[in-house]
Protein backbone atom coordinates (compact mmCIF):
# COMPACT_ATOMS: atom_id res chain seq x y z
CA MET A 1 41.52 -39.27 -30.85
CA ASP A 2 40.07 -41.08 -28.04
CA THR A 3 37.93 -38.48 -25.69
CA HIS A 4 37.24 -40.74 -23.10
CA ILE A 5 38.21 -39.92 -19.36
CA ALA A 6 37.15 -41.96 -16.65
CA ASP A 7 34.56 -40.79 -14.14
CA ASP A 8 36.63 -41.68 -11.44
CA LYS A 9 39.61 -39.70 -12.46
CA LEU A 10 37.31 -36.70 -12.94
CA LYS A 11 35.76 -36.92 -9.16
CA GLU A 12 39.47 -37.37 -8.03
CA LEU A 13 40.70 -34.29 -9.84
CA HIS A 14 40.49 -31.21 -7.60
CA VAL A 15 41.33 -27.74 -9.14
CA GLU A 16 44.14 -27.19 -7.35
CA ASP A 17 45.86 -29.99 -9.24
CA ARG A 18 43.94 -29.37 -12.41
CA THR A 19 47.13 -29.58 -14.31
CA VAL A 20 47.25 -33.33 -14.03
CA LEU A 21 45.96 -33.79 -17.08
CA ALA A 22 48.79 -32.26 -18.99
CA ASN A 23 51.45 -33.98 -17.53
CA ASP A 24 49.75 -37.65 -16.53
CA ARG A 25 51.15 -39.39 -19.68
CA LYS A 26 49.20 -42.48 -18.59
CA ALA A 27 45.69 -40.31 -19.11
CA PRO A 28 44.17 -40.54 -22.52
CA ALA A 29 44.47 -37.37 -24.62
CA PHE A 30 41.53 -35.32 -24.65
CA GLU A 31 41.02 -33.52 -27.91
CA ILE A 32 39.37 -29.93 -27.38
CA ASP A 33 36.53 -29.38 -29.72
CA PRO A 34 36.50 -25.73 -30.82
CA VAL A 35 32.70 -25.93 -31.01
CA ALA A 36 32.03 -27.33 -27.87
CA GLU A 37 34.59 -25.14 -26.33
CA LYS A 38 32.78 -22.00 -27.43
CA LYS A 39 29.45 -23.52 -26.17
CA LEU A 40 31.10 -23.96 -22.86
CA LEU A 41 32.48 -20.34 -22.59
CA ARG A 42 29.06 -18.95 -23.40
CA LYS A 43 27.79 -21.19 -20.52
CA LEU A 44 30.47 -20.10 -18.25
CA ASP A 45 29.77 -16.33 -19.27
CA MET A 46 25.79 -16.41 -18.26
CA ARG A 47 26.19 -18.67 -15.37
CA VAL A 48 29.64 -17.38 -13.33
CA VAL A 49 30.02 -13.99 -13.56
CA PRO A 50 26.68 -12.36 -13.96
CA VAL A 51 25.73 -13.91 -10.39
CA LEU A 52 28.93 -13.03 -8.70
CA TRP A 53 28.67 -9.39 -10.03
CA LEU A 54 24.98 -8.96 -9.07
CA LEU A 55 25.86 -10.39 -5.48
CA ASP A 56 28.72 -7.86 -5.02
CA ASN A 57 27.14 -4.76 -6.24
CA ILE A 58 24.06 -4.59 -4.12
CA ASP A 59 24.62 -2.46 -1.48
CA THR A 60 27.01 0.33 -2.27
CA SER A 61 24.98 3.36 -1.53
CA GLY A 62 26.98 4.89 1.41
CA GLY A 63 27.41 8.03 -0.94
CA ASN A 64 23.78 7.98 -1.48
CA ALA A 65 22.63 7.87 2.17
CA ALA A 66 25.14 10.89 2.76
CA ILE A 67 23.30 13.36 0.84
CA GLN A 68 19.93 11.96 1.31
CA GLY A 69 20.30 13.35 5.04
CA MET A 70 22.28 10.81 6.82
CA THR A 71 24.83 13.25 8.26
CA ASP A 72 22.34 15.50 9.44
CA ASP A 73 20.30 13.10 11.28
CA LEU A 74 23.38 11.11 12.89
CA HIS A 75 24.90 14.85 13.78
CA MET A 76 27.83 14.12 11.97
CA VAL A 77 30.17 17.11 11.29
CA GLY A 78 33.64 17.79 9.72
CA ASN A 79 35.18 14.52 8.78
CA ASP A 80 32.88 12.27 10.63
CA TYR A 81 31.77 11.00 7.41
CA ASN A 82 35.41 10.29 6.00
CA ILE A 83 36.17 8.35 9.41
CA ALA A 84 32.89 6.18 8.93
CA LEU A 85 34.21 5.45 5.43
CA PHE A 86 37.77 4.75 6.80
CA ILE A 87 36.99 2.38 9.41
CA PHE A 88 35.48 0.01 6.98
CA PHE A 89 38.94 -0.90 5.40
CA VAL A 90 40.61 -1.98 8.83
CA PRO A 91 38.95 -5.44 8.61
CA TYR A 92 38.68 -5.34 5.07
CA ILE A 93 42.17 -5.25 4.77
CA LEU A 94 43.25 -7.60 7.32
CA PHE A 95 40.99 -10.62 6.74
CA GLU A 96 41.26 -11.08 2.63
CA VAL A 97 43.97 -13.33 2.61
CA PRO A 98 42.68 -15.51 5.43
CA SER A 99 39.24 -15.56 3.81
CA ASN A 100 40.77 -16.94 0.34
CA ILE A 101 42.38 -19.57 2.21
CA LEU A 102 39.10 -20.45 4.08
CA ILE A 103 37.21 -20.66 0.86
CA LYS A 104 39.49 -23.79 -0.23
CA LYS A 105 38.00 -25.58 2.94
CA ILE A 106 34.53 -24.64 2.80
CA SER A 107 32.56 -24.70 -0.72
CA PRO A 108 32.48 -21.24 -2.38
CA SER A 109 28.66 -21.28 -2.53
CA THR A 110 28.19 -21.98 1.30
CA TRP A 111 31.53 -19.28 2.07
CA LEU A 112 30.11 -16.84 0.10
CA SER A 113 26.56 -16.44 0.73
CA GLY A 114 27.02 -16.92 4.24
CA ILE A 115 29.25 -13.51 4.81
CA MET A 116 26.81 -12.04 2.15
CA PHE A 117 24.01 -12.97 4.50
CA CYS A 118 25.74 -11.41 7.42
CA TRP A 119 26.64 -7.85 5.75
CA GLY A 120 23.13 -7.83 4.62
CA ILE A 121 21.90 -7.89 8.24
CA VAL A 122 24.73 -5.33 9.09
CA THR A 123 23.30 -3.26 6.32
CA ILE A 124 19.90 -3.49 7.86
CA GLY A 125 21.72 -2.38 11.09
CA GLN A 126 22.98 0.75 9.26
CA GLY A 127 19.62 1.74 8.83
CA CYS A 128 18.53 1.75 12.73
CA VAL A 129 21.52 3.39 13.93
CA THR A 130 20.95 6.65 16.07
CA SER A 131 24.40 7.78 16.41
CA LYS A 132 27.42 8.06 14.14
CA GLY A 133 29.15 5.68 16.86
CA GLY A 134 26.94 3.05 15.85
CA LEU A 135 27.38 4.00 12.06
CA ILE A 136 30.93 3.65 12.52
CA ALA A 137 30.46 -0.01 14.48
CA CYS A 138 28.23 -1.09 11.58
CA ARG A 139 30.76 0.04 9.09
CA PHE A 140 33.39 -1.83 10.85
CA LEU A 141 31.55 -5.22 10.71
CA LEU A 142 30.46 -4.57 7.23
CA GLY A 143 34.28 -4.38 6.36
CA LEU A 144 34.73 -7.78 8.01
CA PHE A 145 32.17 -9.63 6.35
CA GLU A 146 32.78 -8.14 3.07
CA SER A 147 36.48 -8.72 3.12
CA GLY A 148 36.11 -12.26 1.40
CA PHE A 149 33.70 -11.65 -1.23
CA PHE A 150 35.64 -9.78 -3.80
CA PRO A 151 39.02 -11.50 -3.77
CA GLY A 152 36.82 -14.85 -3.24
CA CYS A 153 34.69 -13.92 -6.71
CA THR A 154 38.19 -13.03 -8.13
CA TYR A 155 39.77 -16.49 -7.23
CA LEU A 156 36.75 -18.52 -8.20
CA ILE A 157 36.32 -17.01 -11.58
CA SER A 158 39.99 -17.63 -12.33
CA MET A 159 39.01 -21.44 -11.46
CA TYR A 160 36.66 -21.42 -14.72
CA TYR A 161 38.50 -18.74 -17.06
CA ARG A 162 41.91 -18.79 -18.67
CA SER A 163 43.31 -15.70 -18.46
CA GLY A 164 22.04 4.84 -8.23
CA LEU A 165 18.62 3.79 -9.48
CA LEU A 166 17.26 2.10 -6.47
CA ALA A 167 18.65 5.10 -4.53
CA TYR A 168 16.46 7.60 -6.26
CA GLY A 169 13.31 5.58 -5.73
CA ILE A 170 14.16 4.99 -2.07
CA ALA A 171 14.59 8.71 -1.65
CA HIS A 172 10.95 9.01 -2.14
CA MET A 173 10.02 7.02 0.86
CA ASP A 174 11.33 9.71 3.21
CA GLY A 175 8.94 9.62 6.19
CA VAL A 176 7.57 6.15 5.52
CA ALA A 177 6.67 4.45 9.06
CA GLY A 178 8.79 6.93 10.44
CA TYR A 179 12.04 6.35 8.85
CA GLU A 180 13.94 9.13 7.20
CA GLY A 181 14.69 8.11 3.28
CA TRP A 182 18.60 7.70 3.97
CA ARG A 183 17.55 4.70 6.56
CA TRP A 184 15.31 2.86 4.00
CA ILE A 185 18.43 2.74 1.49
CA PHE A 186 20.19 0.73 4.17
CA ILE A 187 17.22 -1.12 5.27
CA LEU A 188 15.93 -2.00 2.00
CA GLU A 189 19.36 -2.66 0.35
CA GLY A 190 20.24 -4.78 3.18
CA LEU A 191 17.00 -7.02 2.94
CA LEU A 192 17.74 -7.56 -0.87
CA THR A 193 21.14 -8.64 0.12
CA ALA A 194 20.26 -10.91 3.00
CA VAL A 195 17.50 -12.58 0.53
CA PHE A 196 19.95 -12.56 -2.43
CA ALA A 197 22.55 -14.68 0.00
CA VAL A 198 19.96 -17.25 0.88
CA LEU A 199 19.43 -17.95 -2.98
CA GLY A 200 23.18 -17.34 -3.52
CA LYS A 201 23.63 -20.77 -1.96
CA PHE A 202 21.76 -22.55 -4.50
CA PHE A 203 23.11 -20.05 -7.57
CA ILE A 204 26.75 -19.57 -6.78
CA VAL A 205 29.05 -22.09 -8.37
CA ASP A 206 31.38 -24.43 -6.58
CA TRP A 207 34.69 -25.75 -8.30
CA PRO A 208 34.60 -26.97 -11.74
CA GLU A 209 34.61 -30.73 -11.16
CA THR A 210 31.40 -30.20 -8.86
CA ALA A 211 29.53 -27.76 -10.65
CA LYS A 212 26.11 -29.03 -11.41
CA PHE A 213 25.15 -26.66 -14.25
CA LEU A 214 27.81 -28.62 -16.31
CA THR A 215 27.47 -31.93 -17.54
CA GLU A 216 29.82 -34.82 -17.12
CA GLU A 217 31.45 -33.94 -20.77
CA GLU A 218 31.48 -30.25 -20.10
CA LYS A 219 33.28 -30.82 -17.02
CA ARG A 220 36.30 -32.94 -18.63
CA LEU A 221 36.23 -30.21 -21.03
CA LEU A 222 36.45 -27.31 -18.98
CA ILE A 223 39.40 -29.11 -16.63
CA ALA A 224 41.41 -30.23 -20.03
CA ARG A 225 41.06 -26.59 -21.21
CA LEU A 226 42.41 -25.44 -17.94
CA ALA A 227 45.40 -28.20 -17.83
CA VAL A 228 46.23 -26.90 -21.23
CA ASP A 229 46.51 -23.42 -20.21
CA VAL A 230 48.65 -23.75 -17.09
CA ALA A 231 51.14 -26.37 -18.46
CA ASP A 232 53.01 -27.71 -15.61
CA SER A 233 52.81 -24.37 -13.54
CA LYS A 234 51.23 -25.97 -10.78
CA MET A 235 51.38 -25.29 -7.02
CA TYR A 236 49.37 -27.55 -4.73
CA THR A 237 51.56 -28.03 -1.89
CA LEU A 238 52.05 -25.17 0.45
CA ASP A 239 55.25 -25.94 1.98
CA SER A 240 58.19 -23.86 3.04
CA ARG A 241 59.69 -23.72 -0.51
CA ALA A 242 56.30 -22.69 -1.93
CA ARG A 243 56.02 -20.08 0.69
CA LYS A 244 59.25 -18.52 0.08
CA ARG A 245 58.24 -18.44 -3.94
CA ILE A 246 54.89 -16.83 -2.97
CA PHE A 247 56.11 -14.14 -0.73
CA GLY A 248 59.40 -13.75 -2.49
CA ASP A 249 57.67 -12.63 -5.55
CA TRP A 250 58.26 -9.03 -6.86
CA LYS A 251 55.14 -9.48 -9.18
CA MET A 252 52.93 -9.72 -6.11
CA TYR A 253 54.11 -6.52 -4.18
CA LEU A 254 54.08 -4.49 -7.56
CA GLY A 255 50.33 -5.63 -8.20
CA VAL A 256 49.52 -4.15 -5.03
CA VAL A 257 50.60 -1.01 -5.52
CA MET A 258 49.17 -1.05 -8.80
CA TYR A 259 45.77 -1.73 -7.35
CA PHE A 260 46.25 0.55 -4.40
CA GLY A 261 46.77 3.44 -7.14
CA ILE A 262 44.12 2.71 -9.24
CA VAL A 263 41.16 1.56 -6.73
CA ASN A 264 41.44 4.77 -4.68
CA THR A 265 39.57 6.20 -8.03
CA GLY A 266 37.01 3.73 -7.95
CA TYR A 267 36.49 4.41 -4.33
CA ALA A 268 36.53 7.99 -4.50
CA THR A 269 33.96 8.08 -7.29
CA SER A 270 31.46 5.66 -5.73
CA PHE A 271 31.68 7.76 -2.09
CA PHE A 272 31.57 11.02 -3.09
CA THR A 273 29.94 11.47 -6.78
CA PRO A 274 26.53 12.10 -5.44
CA THR A 275 28.20 14.84 -3.39
CA ILE A 276 30.21 16.19 -5.91
CA LEU A 277 27.09 16.37 -8.07
CA THR A 278 25.31 18.52 -5.29
CA GLY A 279 28.25 20.90 -5.51
CA MET A 280 27.71 21.09 -8.98
CA GLY A 281 24.16 22.74 -8.13
CA TYR A 282 21.93 19.51 -8.16
CA SER A 283 19.43 18.72 -5.63
CA PRO A 284 19.87 15.79 -3.70
CA ILE A 285 17.43 13.88 -5.75
CA GLN A 286 18.61 15.34 -9.07
CA ALA A 287 22.27 14.03 -8.01
CA GLN A 288 20.58 10.56 -7.30
CA ILE A 289 19.51 10.58 -10.85
CA HIS A 290 22.25 12.08 -12.73
CA SER A 291 24.57 9.26 -10.96
CA ILE A 292 22.89 6.66 -12.79
CA PRO A 293 24.22 7.29 -16.34
CA ILE A 294 27.55 7.84 -14.99
CA PHE A 295 28.12 4.04 -13.80
CA ILE A 296 26.19 2.79 -16.48
CA VAL A 297 28.17 4.18 -19.29
CA ALA A 298 31.43 3.08 -17.24
CA ALA A 299 29.84 -0.75 -17.02
CA VAL A 300 29.08 -0.76 -20.88
CA VAL A 301 32.67 0.54 -21.52
CA CYS A 302 34.13 -1.93 -19.11
CA VAL A 303 32.50 -4.61 -21.06
CA CYS A 304 33.85 -3.45 -24.29
CA VAL A 305 37.59 -2.95 -22.86
CA ALA A 306 37.29 -6.58 -21.27
CA LEU A 307 36.28 -7.96 -24.77
CA SER A 308 38.92 -5.99 -26.16
CA THR A 309 41.83 -7.12 -24.05
CA ASP A 310 40.90 -10.75 -24.57
CA TYR A 311 40.69 -10.46 -28.13
CA PHE A 312 43.81 -8.69 -28.72
CA ARG A 313 45.34 -10.80 -25.68
CA HIS A 314 47.16 -7.60 -24.45
CA ARG A 315 46.92 -5.61 -21.05
CA TYR A 316 49.12 -2.73 -20.54
CA ALA A 317 47.85 -0.48 -23.29
CA PHE A 318 44.28 -0.84 -22.50
CA CYS A 319 45.25 -0.09 -18.94
CA MET A 320 47.33 3.05 -19.62
CA LEU A 321 44.03 3.95 -22.15
CA GLY A 322 41.87 4.17 -18.99
CA ILE A 323 44.66 6.13 -17.03
CA CYS A 324 44.84 8.86 -19.86
CA VAL A 325 41.23 8.83 -20.02
CA ALA A 326 40.56 9.58 -16.28
CA THR A 327 43.57 11.99 -16.08
CA THR A 328 41.51 14.10 -18.84
CA GLY A 329 38.46 14.13 -16.55
CA TYR A 330 40.53 15.43 -13.34
CA ALA A 331 41.90 17.83 -15.61
CA MET A 332 38.86 19.22 -16.51
CA LEU A 333 37.68 19.38 -12.54
CA PHE A 334 40.96 21.21 -11.81
CA ASN A 335 39.32 24.29 -13.97
CA GLN A 336 35.97 23.56 -12.68
CA ASP A 337 35.46 27.44 -12.11
CA ARG A 338 36.32 28.12 -15.82
CA ILE A 339 34.03 25.56 -17.42
CA PRO A 340 30.23 25.13 -17.53
CA VAL A 341 28.13 22.38 -15.20
CA GLY A 342 27.63 20.06 -18.44
CA ALA A 343 31.56 19.89 -18.97
CA GLN A 344 32.28 19.02 -15.30
CA TYR A 345 29.34 16.26 -15.49
CA ALA A 346 30.95 14.95 -18.47
CA ALA A 347 34.55 14.78 -16.51
CA ILE A 348 33.09 12.63 -13.80
CA PHE A 349 31.89 10.36 -16.96
CA LEU A 350 35.72 10.11 -18.25
CA ILE A 351 37.08 9.62 -14.59
CA VAL A 352 34.63 6.71 -13.53
CA SER A 353 35.02 5.28 -17.10
CA GLY A 354 38.87 5.26 -17.13
CA GLY A 355 39.34 4.49 -13.80
CA TYR A 356 36.58 1.40 -13.59
CA THR A 357 38.32 0.40 -17.04
CA CYS A 358 41.47 -0.09 -15.33
CA GLN A 359 40.75 -1.73 -12.25
CA PRO A 360 39.49 -5.10 -13.60
CA ILE A 361 42.59 -4.97 -16.05
CA THR A 362 44.96 -4.81 -13.29
CA ILE A 363 43.56 -7.79 -11.38
CA THR A 364 43.30 -10.03 -14.23
CA TRP A 365 46.97 -9.13 -15.58
CA ILE A 366 48.47 -10.10 -12.24
CA ASN A 367 45.97 -13.21 -11.88
CA ASN A 368 47.05 -14.32 -15.51
CA ASN A 369 50.96 -14.24 -14.43
CA MET A 370 50.52 -15.82 -11.13
CA GLY A 371 51.10 -19.86 -11.84
CA GLY A 372 49.63 -22.26 -9.27
CA HIS A 373 46.66 -22.93 -6.99
CA TYR A 374 47.87 -21.47 -3.86
CA LYS A 375 50.05 -18.48 -5.25
CA ARG A 376 46.96 -17.44 -7.43
CA ALA A 377 44.64 -17.49 -4.22
CA ILE A 378 47.44 -15.68 -1.85
CA SER A 379 48.45 -13.39 -4.69
CA SER A 380 44.94 -12.49 -5.42
CA ALA A 381 43.75 -11.82 -1.81
CA MET A 382 46.98 -9.94 -1.26
CA MET A 383 46.80 -7.44 -4.27
CA ILE A 384 42.92 -6.74 -3.44
CA GLY A 385 43.42 -6.81 0.30
CA PHE A 386 46.44 -4.45 0.88
CA GLY A 387 45.90 -2.61 -2.31
CA ASN A 388 42.35 -1.88 -1.02
CA ALA A 389 44.21 0.58 1.12
CA GLY A 390 43.62 3.20 -1.36
CA GLY A 391 40.05 3.17 -0.12
CA ILE A 392 41.38 4.44 3.36
CA VAL A 393 43.14 7.23 1.21
CA ALA A 394 40.02 7.90 -0.75
CA SER A 395 37.68 8.15 2.27
CA ASN A 396 39.76 11.04 3.68
CA ILE A 397 40.92 13.07 0.99
CA PHE A 398 37.42 14.96 -0.07
CA ILE A 399 37.55 17.21 2.51
CA THR A 400 34.20 18.95 3.43
CA GLU A 401 35.93 22.36 3.54
CA GLU A 402 37.15 21.88 0.28
CA ALA A 403 33.60 21.48 -1.55
CA PRO A 404 32.69 22.12 -4.16
CA GLY A 405 36.56 22.47 -5.36
CA TYR A 406 37.92 19.45 -3.55
CA MET A 407 41.51 20.01 -4.80
CA THR A 408 43.08 17.84 -2.57
CA GLY A 409 40.67 14.93 -3.62
CA TYR A 410 41.25 15.46 -7.10
CA GLY A 411 45.10 16.03 -6.80
CA THR A 412 45.77 13.14 -4.50
CA SER A 413 43.37 10.83 -6.79
CA LEU A 414 45.49 11.83 -9.93
CA GLY A 415 48.81 11.09 -8.45
CA LEU A 416 47.74 7.66 -7.09
CA LEU A 417 46.10 7.02 -10.62
CA TRP A 418 49.74 7.77 -12.41
CA LEU A 419 51.32 5.89 -9.50
CA CYS A 420 49.53 3.14 -10.99
CA GLY A 421 50.57 3.65 -14.41
CA ILE A 422 54.05 3.69 -13.24
CA CYS A 423 53.83 0.34 -11.84
CA CYS A 424 52.33 -0.78 -15.01
CA THR A 425 55.15 0.20 -16.92
CA VAL A 426 57.63 -1.36 -14.60
CA PHE A 427 55.29 -4.57 -14.41
CA LEU A 428 55.60 -4.71 -18.41
CA PHE A 429 59.38 -4.24 -18.81
CA GLY A 430 59.73 -6.85 -15.64
CA VAL A 431 57.83 -9.99 -17.12
CA MET A 432 59.22 -9.10 -20.80
CA TYR A 433 63.08 -9.38 -19.41
CA GLU A 434 61.68 -12.49 -17.50
CA ASN A 435 60.33 -14.21 -20.48
CA ARG A 436 63.68 -13.32 -22.56
CA LYS A 437 65.67 -14.95 -20.16
CA ARG A 438 63.81 -18.16 -20.06
CA GLU A 439 63.88 -18.25 -23.85
CA ARG A 440 67.63 -18.19 -23.60
CA GLY A 441 67.35 -20.70 -20.70
CA GLY A 442 68.43 -18.67 -18.01
CA ARG A 443 66.12 -20.34 -15.68
CA ASP A 444 66.61 -23.69 -16.65
CA TYR A 445 68.55 -24.77 -13.53
CA ARG A 446 65.01 -24.77 -11.48
CA LEU A 447 64.11 -28.03 -13.63
CA GLU A 448 66.76 -29.86 -11.35
CA GLU A 449 65.50 -28.51 -7.86
CA PRO A 450 63.87 -30.52 -5.66
CA ASP A 451 60.26 -28.75 -5.64
CA PHE A 452 60.05 -28.73 -9.58
CA GLY A 453 56.23 -29.47 -10.23
CA ASN A 454 55.25 -27.45 -7.03
CA GLN A 455 56.81 -24.02 -8.35
CA GLY A 456 54.15 -22.29 -10.08
CA ASP A 457 54.83 -19.44 -12.32
CA ASP A 458 58.84 -20.13 -11.41
CA THR A 459 58.82 -23.12 -13.74
CA PRO A 460 61.11 -22.44 -16.78
CA ASN A 461 57.92 -23.46 -19.05
CA PHE A 462 56.19 -20.58 -17.89
CA ARG A 463 55.67 -17.44 -20.02
CA PHE A 464 54.01 -14.38 -18.87
CA THR A 465 51.49 -12.22 -20.50
CA TYR A 466 51.41 -8.43 -21.33
């Protein structure tokens, strides 16, 4: 079998038209070697995902700063802290879709590292504010600059694949150079973010056909592999018909609600885990220490579940498993007056692990069922952008006056968790119905429509996963 594809063909091939190899009958066939494919996937796993994950998880310690004295020093009372958390999501939601369109015009390494550098500077500014108004302004700018990173990473990763410790150390810097410990949390993490942003320009990958860490043969293999995966479900022209197909797709809106329901738990635990731990009787520094293993365990569980979902090629059951695990944790905290502190602490492990397990599955599941470059870019940004309204809810349901019980917070989070579960179930039956209809030829009329070849997952040959 001839494995040669002309270099000029590779250079002309952009990821938005990556299916051309599957449909161009004039192009020589490219035989995918299983051994070479396995080696390529290991290389991608070590190069693409870890860098993006690290850069996205450096400065997430607003909750740590809150228990380290920030609210007292800035004279924040009542729901002032909740407002500061809430304001972040206004620009975060509004600018995610435009950002994912811009990343097409600007290289991912330049765009992602650029916005990361900006939010690093703003994070430093959070450590220098002297009033709650200044903090709220910084949070708004932080939401603006961070809005493009997560959906950008999700979209970039989809172009390659087929389907607290720091805060503890910084707390001991209280008083150094006249700055309180909570200020150092923001200043040092902002500096780290800015420095990593500069380095990120050289380490963040661009599109597969220009990835410098891949050999020419690996680029051909990767693009051919992706071409086989998406068949003829491309959408590389954003015309009126394409826009109608994108914004008229029920799956995208159901995905927004799914993510809205599950992301609330993710944000709530990120914002308030240290505060909840102090309510259990731990000192601020003890709370910093005890929050570390919670998220380490959640990370390990996430990796194990992710590997399992790929192995079994199934999403729904694992998503519902995560929801049930988190539900058990919430049920325990509803009865926290009747259980020992150790059991309460274990409940947080269940909530965080269950919620964090389900969150990436929903994103991946929706992404797997969106065919075409533009549709995948817009739908992932819509899902993450508008779904992040769950963060607005999370920032306002843990009411100070209800400490340490937080019945409103726990009850709302549990309800939204099962809103996600219901939507997942509806999504499952919806795609199963659609697959059966296509098997019977119920969508074959689209083969004669003028936009055939630019229909994305509406093409009759596309099959949905669940």
